[in-house]
Amino acid sequence: MATIGVICLSLLLLSTSIHYEALRLLSEVLPRIRIAPRSKLIAVLLTTFAAHAMEMLLYALVYYLIIHQLDLGTLLVDYTGGGRPSMSLCFYFSAETFTSLGYGDIRPSGPLRLLAGAEALNGLLLIGWSASFAYISMERFWERPGENP
């Protein structure tokens, strides 16, 4: 259980760092580039989406390694006959968990359950951070009536 705890903490720090760097880059670059203000909002959305995808991929890689190398649990899938999960299944589970979607068709077992819970909380916080950043960006870059574009 200590191993999973260390992995959880490491992933929380790493995914938060990825997110911080993506938002910091946007904060530095967007005011300097010469594109339409509303196009800057598209850049915010695409960049935050890419950051979230990278964070989900990071969790998926760790799920895969924990299952295949450390043997600290597995993903139980309702619609298959068993076997070890593929990388694509780990990514699907990660995306489902990160976004707190929770279809319930895949369930973690063993110590892997703690990592899934940590990912859900981490995803909730990072998605909230992205939403706040997008709102601030809209306040900053959105054209108001009577202003020149």
N, C-alpha and C. Protein backbone atom coordinates (compact mmCIF):
# COMPACT_ATOMS: atom_id res chain seq x y z
N MET A 1 0.82 -1.19 0.00
CA MET A 1 0.00 0.00 0.00
C MET A 1 0.87 1.26 0.00
N ALA A 2 2.03 1.19 0.62
CA ALA A 2 2.93 2.35 0.63
C ALA A 2 3.40 2.67 -0.78
N THR A 3 3.62 1.64 -1.58
CA THR A 3 4.06 1.85 -2.96
C THR A 3 3.01 2.64 -3.74
N ILE A 4 1.76 2.26 -3.60
CA ILE A 4 0.68 2.97 -4.29
C ILE A 4 0.58 4.40 -3.76
N GLY A 5 0.77 4.59 -2.48
CA GLY A 5 0.73 5.94 -1.92
C GLY A 5 1.79 6.84 -2.52
N VAL A 6 2.99 6.31 -2.67
CA VAL A 6 4.09 7.08 -3.27
C VAL A 6 3.78 7.37 -4.74
N ILE A 7 3.24 6.39 -5.43
CA ILE A 7 2.86 6.57 -6.84
C ILE A 7 1.78 7.64 -6.95
N CYS A 8 0.79 7.61 -6.07
CA CYS A 8 -0.29 8.61 -6.09
C CYS A 8 0.28 10.01 -5.90
N LEU A 9 1.11 10.18 -4.91
CA LEU A 9 1.69 11.49 -4.64
C LEU A 9 2.54 11.96 -5.82
N SER A 10 3.32 11.06 -6.39
CA SER A 10 4.16 11.42 -7.54
C SER A 10 3.32 11.85 -8.73
N LEU A 11 2.24 11.13 -9.00
CA LEU A 11 1.37 11.48 -10.13
C LEU A 11 0.63 12.79 -9.88
N LEU A 12 0.22 13.03 -8.65
CA LEU A 12 -0.42 14.30 -8.33
C LEU A 12 0.53 15.46 -8.61
N LEU A 13 1.77 15.33 -8.16
CA LEU A 13 2.76 16.39 -8.38
C LEU A 13 3.09 16.56 -9.85
N LEU A 14 3.27 15.46 -10.55
CA LEU A 14 3.64 15.53 -11.97
C LEU A 14 2.51 16.08 -12.83
N SER A 15 1.30 15.62 -12.62
CA SER A 15 0.17 16.11 -13.42
C SER A 15 -0.12 17.59 -13.12
N THR A 16 0.02 17.98 -11.87
CA THR A 16 -0.18 19.39 -11.52
C THR A 16 0.91 20.25 -12.16
N SER A 17 2.13 19.75 -12.21
CA SER A 17 3.22 20.47 -12.86
C SER A 17 2.98 20.63 -14.36
N ILE A 18 2.49 19.58 -15.00
CA ILE A 18 2.16 19.65 -16.43
C ILE A 18 1.11 20.73 -16.65
N HIS A 19 0.10 20.73 -15.82
CA HIS A 19 -0.99 21.69 -15.96
C HIS A 19 -0.49 23.12 -15.71
N TYR A 20 0.28 23.28 -14.68
CA TYR A 20 0.82 24.59 -14.36
C TYR A 20 1.63 25.14 -15.53
N GLU A 21 2.49 24.31 -16.09
CA GLU A 21 3.34 24.76 -17.20
C GLU A 21 2.52 25.11 -18.43
N ALA A 22 1.47 24.35 -18.71
CA ALA A 22 0.61 24.66 -19.86
C ALA A 22 -0.07 26.01 -19.67
N LEU A 23 -0.60 26.25 -18.47
CA LEU A 23 -1.28 27.51 -18.21
C LEU A 23 -0.30 28.68 -18.14
N ARG A 24 0.88 28.43 -17.61
CA ARG A 24 1.90 29.48 -17.56
C ARG A 24 2.32 29.86 -18.97
N LEU A 25 2.50 28.88 -19.83
CA LEU A 25 2.86 29.15 -21.22
C LEU A 25 1.78 29.99 -21.90
N LEU A 26 0.53 29.62 -21.70
CA LEU A 26 -0.57 30.41 -22.27
C LEU A 26 -0.55 31.84 -21.74
N SER A 27 -0.33 32.01 -20.47
CA SER A 27 -0.31 33.35 -19.87
C SER A 27 0.79 34.22 -20.45
N GLU A 28 1.90 33.60 -20.79
CA GLU A 28 3.02 34.37 -21.34
C GLU A 28 2.86 34.65 -22.83
N VAL A 29 2.36 33.68 -23.56
CA VAL A 29 2.34 33.78 -25.02
C VAL A 29 1.12 34.54 -25.54
N LEU A 30 -0.05 34.28 -25.00
CA LEU A 30 -1.28 34.85 -25.57
C LEU A 30 -1.28 36.38 -25.66
N PRO A 31 -0.84 37.11 -24.64
CA PRO A 31 -0.88 38.57 -24.78
C PRO A 31 0.04 39.10 -25.88
N ARG A 32 1.07 38.35 -26.25
CA ARG A 32 2.05 38.82 -27.23
C ARG A 32 1.73 38.45 -28.66
N ILE A 33 0.93 37.44 -28.88
CA ILE A 33 0.68 37.03 -30.27
C ILE A 33 -0.42 37.88 -30.88
N ARG A 34 -0.28 38.09 -32.18
CA ARG A 34 -1.22 38.96 -32.91
C ARG A 34 -2.23 38.10 -33.66
N ILE A 35 -3.24 37.69 -32.93
CA ILE A 35 -4.38 37.01 -33.54
C ILE A 35 -5.63 37.63 -32.94
N ALA A 36 -6.75 37.36 -33.55
CA ALA A 36 -8.01 37.90 -33.04
C ALA A 36 -8.21 37.46 -31.59
N PRO A 37 -8.72 38.36 -30.76
CA PRO A 37 -8.91 38.03 -29.34
C PRO A 37 -9.71 36.75 -29.11
N ARG A 38 -10.75 36.54 -29.91
CA ARG A 38 -11.55 35.32 -29.72
C ARG A 38 -10.78 34.07 -30.13
N SER A 39 -9.84 34.22 -31.04
CA SER A 39 -8.99 33.08 -31.41
C SER A 39 -8.10 32.67 -30.26
N LYS A 40 -7.77 33.61 -29.41
CA LYS A 40 -6.97 33.30 -28.23
C LYS A 40 -7.73 32.36 -27.30
N LEU A 41 -9.03 32.50 -27.28
CA LEU A 41 -9.84 31.60 -26.45
C LEU A 41 -9.81 30.17 -27.00
N ILE A 42 -9.79 30.05 -28.31
CA ILE A 42 -9.65 28.72 -28.93
C ILE A 42 -8.31 28.11 -28.52
N ALA A 43 -7.26 28.94 -28.51
CA ALA A 43 -5.94 28.46 -28.09
C ALA A 43 -5.98 28.00 -26.63
N VAL A 44 -6.69 28.72 -25.79
CA VAL A 44 -6.83 28.32 -24.38
C VAL A 44 -7.51 26.96 -24.28
N LEU A 45 -8.61 26.79 -25.00
CA LEU A 45 -9.36 25.53 -24.93
C LEU A 45 -8.55 24.36 -25.48
N LEU A 46 -7.89 24.57 -26.61
CA LEU A 46 -7.10 23.48 -27.21
C LEU A 46 -5.91 23.11 -26.33
N THR A 47 -5.26 24.11 -25.76
CA THR A 47 -4.10 23.83 -24.92
C THR A 47 -4.50 23.13 -23.63
N THR A 48 -5.58 23.58 -23.01
CA THR A 48 -6.00 22.90 -21.78
C THR A 48 -6.50 21.49 -22.08
N PHE A 49 -7.14 21.31 -23.23
CA PHE A 49 -7.56 19.96 -23.63
C PHE A 49 -6.33 19.06 -23.80
N ALA A 50 -5.30 19.58 -24.46
CA ALA A 50 -4.06 18.81 -24.66
C ALA A 50 -3.40 18.48 -23.33
N ALA A 51 -3.40 19.44 -22.41
CA ALA A 51 -2.80 19.19 -21.09
C ALA A 51 -3.57 18.08 -20.37
N HIS A 52 -4.89 18.13 -20.42
CA HIS A 52 -5.69 17.08 -19.78
C HIS A 52 -5.44 15.72 -20.44
N ALA A 53 -5.33 15.70 -21.75
CA ALA A 53 -5.06 14.44 -22.45
C ALA A 53 -3.70 13.87 -22.03
N MET A 54 -2.70 14.74 -21.89
CA MET A 54 -1.38 14.27 -21.44
C MET A 54 -1.45 13.73 -20.01
N GLU A 55 -2.21 14.39 -19.17
CA GLU A 55 -2.34 13.94 -17.78
C GLU A 55 -3.06 12.59 -17.71
N MET A 56 -4.09 12.42 -18.52
CA MET A 56 -4.79 11.14 -18.55
C MET A 56 -3.89 10.04 -19.09
N LEU A 57 -3.09 10.38 -20.10
CA LEU A 57 -2.15 9.40 -20.66
C LEU A 57 -1.11 9.01 -19.61
N LEU A 58 -0.65 9.96 -18.84
CA LEU A 58 0.30 9.67 -17.77
C LEU A 58 -0.29 8.67 -16.78
N TYR A 59 -1.50 8.91 -16.35
CA TYR A 59 -2.16 7.97 -15.44
C TYR A 59 -2.33 6.60 -16.12
N ALA A 60 -2.71 6.59 -17.39
CA ALA A 60 -2.90 5.33 -18.10
C ALA A 60 -1.60 4.53 -18.16
N LEU A 61 -0.51 5.19 -18.44
CA LEU A 61 0.79 4.51 -18.47
C LEU A 61 1.12 3.89 -17.11
N VAL A 62 0.83 4.62 -16.06
CA VAL A 62 1.10 4.10 -14.71
C VAL A 62 0.17 2.93 -14.39
N TYR A 63 -1.11 3.04 -14.76
CA TYR A 63 -2.01 1.89 -14.57
C TYR A 63 -1.45 0.66 -15.27
N TYR A 64 -1.04 0.85 -16.52
CA TYR A 64 -0.51 -0.26 -17.30
C TYR A 64 0.71 -0.88 -16.62
N LEU A 65 1.64 -0.03 -16.18
CA LEU A 65 2.85 -0.53 -15.53
C LEU A 65 2.55 -1.21 -14.20
N ILE A 66 1.64 -0.64 -13.43
CA ILE A 66 1.29 -1.25 -12.14
C ILE A 66 0.67 -2.63 -12.36
N ILE A 67 -0.18 -2.74 -13.35
CA ILE A 67 -0.85 -4.02 -13.62
C ILE A 67 0.13 -5.04 -14.18
N HIS A 68 0.94 -4.62 -15.14
CA HIS A 68 1.80 -5.57 -15.86
C HIS A 68 3.16 -5.80 -15.22
N GLN A 69 3.66 -4.85 -14.45
CA GLN A 69 4.99 -5.00 -13.87
C GLN A 69 4.97 -5.22 -12.35
N LEU A 70 4.15 -4.46 -11.66
CA LEU A 70 4.15 -4.53 -10.19
C LEU A 70 3.10 -5.49 -9.64
N ASP A 71 2.13 -5.86 -10.45
CA ASP A 71 1.07 -6.79 -10.05
C ASP A 71 0.38 -6.33 -8.75
N LEU A 72 0.00 -5.05 -8.73
CA LEU A 72 -0.67 -4.48 -7.56
C LEU A 72 -2.15 -4.22 -7.82
N GLY A 73 -2.76 -5.08 -8.57
CA GLY A 73 -4.17 -4.94 -8.89
C GLY A 73 -4.39 -5.07 -10.38
N THR A 74 -5.63 -4.97 -10.77
CA THR A 74 -5.96 -5.03 -12.19
C THR A 74 -7.24 -4.24 -12.43
N LEU A 75 -7.63 -4.19 -13.68
CA LEU A 75 -8.90 -3.57 -14.05
C LEU A 75 -9.86 -4.68 -14.43
N LEU A 76 -10.98 -4.74 -13.76
CA LEU A 76 -11.99 -5.75 -14.03
C LEU A 76 -12.97 -5.18 -15.04
N VAL A 77 -13.11 -5.88 -16.16
CA VAL A 77 -13.93 -5.40 -17.27
C VAL A 77 -15.16 -6.27 -17.39
N ASP A 78 -16.33 -5.65 -17.44
CA ASP A 78 -17.59 -6.38 -17.48
C ASP A 78 -17.80 -7.16 -18.77
N TYR A 79 -17.26 -6.67 -19.87
CA TYR A 79 -17.61 -7.23 -21.18
C TYR A 79 -16.54 -8.13 -21.79
N THR A 80 -15.52 -8.52 -21.03
CA THR A 80 -14.52 -9.44 -21.57
C THR A 80 -14.38 -10.64 -20.66
N GLY A 81 -13.70 -11.63 -21.14
CA GLY A 81 -13.51 -12.85 -20.38
C GLY A 81 -12.32 -12.81 -19.45
N GLY A 82 -11.66 -11.72 -19.30
CA GLY A 82 -10.51 -11.63 -18.41
C GLY A 82 -9.26 -11.27 -19.17
N GLY A 83 -8.13 -11.61 -18.58
CA GLY A 83 -6.85 -11.25 -19.17
C GLY A 83 -6.39 -9.90 -18.68
N ARG A 84 -5.17 -9.58 -19.01
CA ARG A 84 -4.62 -8.30 -18.58
C ARG A 84 -5.06 -7.18 -19.52
N PRO A 85 -5.38 -6.03 -18.96
CA PRO A 85 -5.87 -4.91 -19.78
C PRO A 85 -4.80 -4.37 -20.73
N SER A 86 -5.25 -3.94 -21.89
CA SER A 86 -4.37 -3.32 -22.89
C SER A 86 -4.12 -1.86 -22.51
N MET A 87 -3.17 -1.24 -23.20
CA MET A 87 -2.89 0.17 -22.97
C MET A 87 -4.10 1.02 -23.32
N SER A 88 -4.79 0.68 -24.39
CA SER A 88 -5.97 1.47 -24.78
C SER A 88 -7.07 1.37 -23.73
N LEU A 89 -7.23 0.21 -23.12
CA LEU A 89 -8.21 0.05 -22.05
C LEU A 89 -7.80 0.88 -20.83
N CYS A 90 -6.52 0.88 -20.52
CA CYS A 90 -6.02 1.70 -19.41
C CYS A 90 -6.27 3.18 -19.67
N PHE A 91 -6.08 3.61 -20.92
CA PHE A 91 -6.33 5.01 -21.25
C PHE A 91 -7.82 5.33 -21.14
N TYR A 92 -8.65 4.45 -21.62
CA TYR A 92 -10.10 4.65 -21.51
C TYR A 92 -10.50 4.75 -20.04
N PHE A 93 -10.00 3.84 -19.21
CA PHE A 93 -10.32 3.88 -17.78
C PHE A 93 -9.81 5.17 -17.15
N SER A 94 -8.62 5.59 -17.53
CA SER A 94 -8.05 6.83 -17.01
C SER A 94 -8.91 8.03 -17.38
N ALA A 95 -9.34 8.11 -18.63
CA ALA A 95 -10.19 9.23 -19.07
C ALA A 95 -11.52 9.22 -18.33
N GLU A 96 -12.07 8.04 -18.16
CA GLU A 96 -13.34 7.90 -17.45
C GLU A 96 -13.19 8.31 -15.98
N THR A 97 -12.08 7.97 -15.39
CA THR A 97 -11.84 8.29 -13.98
C THR A 97 -11.47 9.75 -13.80
N PHE A 98 -10.56 10.26 -14.63
CA PHE A 98 -10.08 11.65 -14.55
C PHE A 98 -11.24 12.63 -14.65
N THR A 99 -12.18 12.34 -15.52
CA THR A 99 -13.33 13.23 -15.73
C THR A 99 -14.49 12.93 -14.77
N SER A 100 -14.33 11.93 -13.94
CA SER A 100 -15.38 11.48 -13.00
C SER A 100 -16.64 11.04 -13.73
N LEU A 101 -16.47 10.56 -14.96
CA LEU A 101 -17.60 10.09 -15.74
C LEU A 101 -18.19 8.83 -15.12
N GLY A 102 -17.35 7.84 -14.87
CA GLY A 102 -17.74 6.66 -14.12
C GLY A 102 -18.86 5.82 -14.69
N TYR A 103 -18.69 5.31 -15.89
CA TYR A 103 -19.69 4.40 -16.45
C TYR A 103 -19.87 3.15 -15.58
N GLY A 104 -18.80 2.67 -14.99
CA GLY A 104 -18.88 1.48 -14.16
C GLY A 104 -18.61 0.20 -14.91
N ASP A 105 -18.27 0.28 -16.19
CA ASP A 105 -17.99 -0.93 -16.96
C ASP A 105 -16.60 -1.48 -16.67
N ILE A 106 -15.73 -0.68 -16.07
CA ILE A 106 -14.39 -1.11 -15.68
C ILE A 106 -14.19 -0.70 -14.23
N ARG A 107 -13.71 -1.66 -13.42
CA ARG A 107 -13.50 -1.39 -12.00
C ARG A 107 -12.08 -1.78 -11.61
N PRO A 108 -11.42 -0.93 -10.84
CA PRO A 108 -10.09 -1.31 -10.36
C PRO A 108 -10.21 -2.29 -9.20
N SER A 109 -9.21 -3.12 -9.04
CA SER A 109 -9.19 -4.04 -7.90
C SER A 109 -7.84 -3.93 -7.20
N GLY A 110 -7.83 -4.33 -5.96
CA GLY A 110 -6.60 -4.30 -5.17
C GLY A 110 -6.17 -2.87 -4.87
N PRO A 111 -4.89 -2.69 -4.58
CA PRO A 111 -4.38 -1.37 -4.24
C PRO A 111 -4.56 -0.33 -5.36
N LEU A 112 -4.83 -0.79 -6.55
CA LEU A 112 -5.06 0.12 -7.69
C LEU A 112 -6.26 1.04 -7.44
N ARG A 113 -7.16 0.62 -6.55
CA ARG A 113 -8.34 1.43 -6.25
C ARG A 113 -7.96 2.79 -5.66
N LEU A 114 -6.90 2.82 -4.85
CA LEU A 114 -6.46 4.08 -4.26
C LEU A 114 -5.99 5.05 -5.34
N LEU A 115 -5.27 4.54 -6.33
CA LEU A 115 -4.81 5.38 -7.43
C LEU A 115 -5.99 5.92 -8.22
N ALA A 116 -7.00 5.12 -8.45
CA ALA A 116 -8.18 5.58 -9.19
C ALA A 116 -8.89 6.70 -8.42
N GLY A 117 -8.99 6.56 -7.12
CA GLY A 117 -9.60 7.62 -6.32
C GLY A 117 -8.79 8.91 -6.36
N ALA A 118 -7.48 8.78 -6.29
CA ALA A 118 -6.61 9.96 -6.35
C ALA A 118 -6.71 10.62 -7.72
N GLU A 119 -6.80 9.82 -8.78
CA GLU A 119 -6.93 10.39 -10.12
C GLU A 119 -8.24 11.16 -10.26
N ALA A 120 -9.31 10.63 -9.72
CA ALA A 120 -10.60 11.32 -9.82
C ALA A 120 -10.54 12.68 -9.11
N LEU A 121 -9.96 12.72 -7.94
CA LEU A 121 -9.84 13.98 -7.22
C LEU A 121 -8.91 14.95 -7.96
N ASN A 122 -7.80 14.43 -8.46
CA ASN A 122 -6.86 15.25 -9.22
C ASN A 122 -7.52 15.80 -10.48
N GLY A 123 -8.23 14.97 -11.20
CA GLY A 123 -8.92 15.41 -12.41
C GLY A 123 -9.94 16.50 -12.10
N LEU A 124 -10.70 16.32 -11.04
CA LEU A 124 -11.68 17.32 -10.64
C LEU A 124 -11.02 18.67 -10.40
N LEU A 125 -9.91 18.66 -9.67
CA LEU A 125 -9.21 19.91 -9.37
C LEU A 125 -8.61 20.55 -10.63
N LEU A 126 -8.00 19.73 -11.49
CA LEU A 126 -7.37 20.28 -12.69
C LEU A 126 -8.41 20.78 -13.70
N ILE A 127 -9.52 20.10 -13.81
CA ILE A 127 -10.58 20.56 -14.71
C ILE A 127 -11.16 21.87 -14.17
N GLY A 128 -11.32 21.97 -12.87
CA GLY A 128 -11.78 23.22 -12.28
C GLY A 128 -10.79 24.36 -12.52
N TRP A 129 -9.51 24.06 -12.42
CA TRP A 129 -8.48 25.05 -12.68
C TRP A 129 -8.56 25.52 -14.13
N SER A 130 -8.76 24.59 -15.05
CA SER A 130 -8.89 24.95 -16.47
C SER A 130 -10.12 25.82 -16.70
N ALA A 131 -11.22 25.47 -16.05
CA ALA A 131 -12.44 26.27 -16.21
C ALA A 131 -12.22 27.69 -15.69
N SER A 132 -11.56 27.82 -14.57
CA SER A 132 -11.27 29.15 -14.03
C SER A 132 -10.36 29.94 -14.96
N PHE A 133 -9.36 29.27 -15.50
CA PHE A 133 -8.43 29.93 -16.42
C PHE A 133 -9.16 30.36 -17.69
N ALA A 134 -10.04 29.52 -18.19
CA ALA A 134 -10.81 29.86 -19.39
C ALA A 134 -11.72 31.07 -19.12
N TYR A 135 -12.32 31.11 -17.96
CA TYR A 135 -13.18 32.25 -17.60
C TYR A 135 -12.36 33.54 -17.54
N ILE A 136 -11.21 33.48 -16.89
CA ILE A 136 -10.34 34.66 -16.80
C ILE A 136 -9.88 35.09 -18.19
N SER A 137 -9.59 34.13 -19.04
CA SER A 137 -9.18 34.44 -20.41
C SER A 137 -10.31 35.10 -21.18
N MET A 138 -11.52 34.63 -20.97
CA MET A 138 -12.67 35.26 -21.64
C MET A 138 -12.83 36.70 -21.17
N GLU A 139 -12.68 36.91 -19.90
CA GLU A 139 -12.76 38.27 -19.36
C GLU A 139 -11.69 39.17 -20.00
N ARG A 140 -10.55 38.60 -20.23
CA ARG A 140 -9.42 39.38 -20.74
C ARG A 140 -9.47 39.61 -22.25
N PHE A 141 -9.86 38.59 -23.00
CA PHE A 141 -9.75 38.64 -24.45
C PHE A 141 -11.08 38.81 -25.19
N TRP A 142 -12.19 38.62 -24.53
CA TRP A 142 -13.47 38.67 -25.22
C TRP A 142 -13.77 40.11 -25.65
N GLU A 143 -14.17 40.27 -26.88
CA GLU A 143 -14.50 41.61 -27.39
C GLU A 143 -15.85 42.04 -26.83
N ARG A 144 -15.90 43.27 -26.37
CA ARG A 144 -17.13 43.82 -25.84
C ARG A 144 -17.74 44.77 -26.87
N PRO A 145 -19.05 44.93 -26.87
CA PRO A 145 -19.68 45.85 -27.84
C PRO A 145 -19.08 47.25 -27.72
N GLY A 146 -18.80 47.84 -28.86
CA GLY A 146 -18.25 49.19 -28.90
C GLY A 146 -16.74 49.24 -28.90
N GLU A 147 -16.08 48.09 -28.70
CA GLU A 147 -14.61 48.05 -28.72
C GLU A 147 -14.14 47.67 -30.10
N ASN A 148 -12.97 48.11 -30.46
CA ASN A 148 -12.38 47.72 -31.74
C ASN A 148 -11.77 46.34 -31.62
N PRO A 149 -11.93 45.50 -32.64
CA PRO A 149 -11.35 44.14 -32.58
C PRO A 149 -9.84 44.17 -32.66
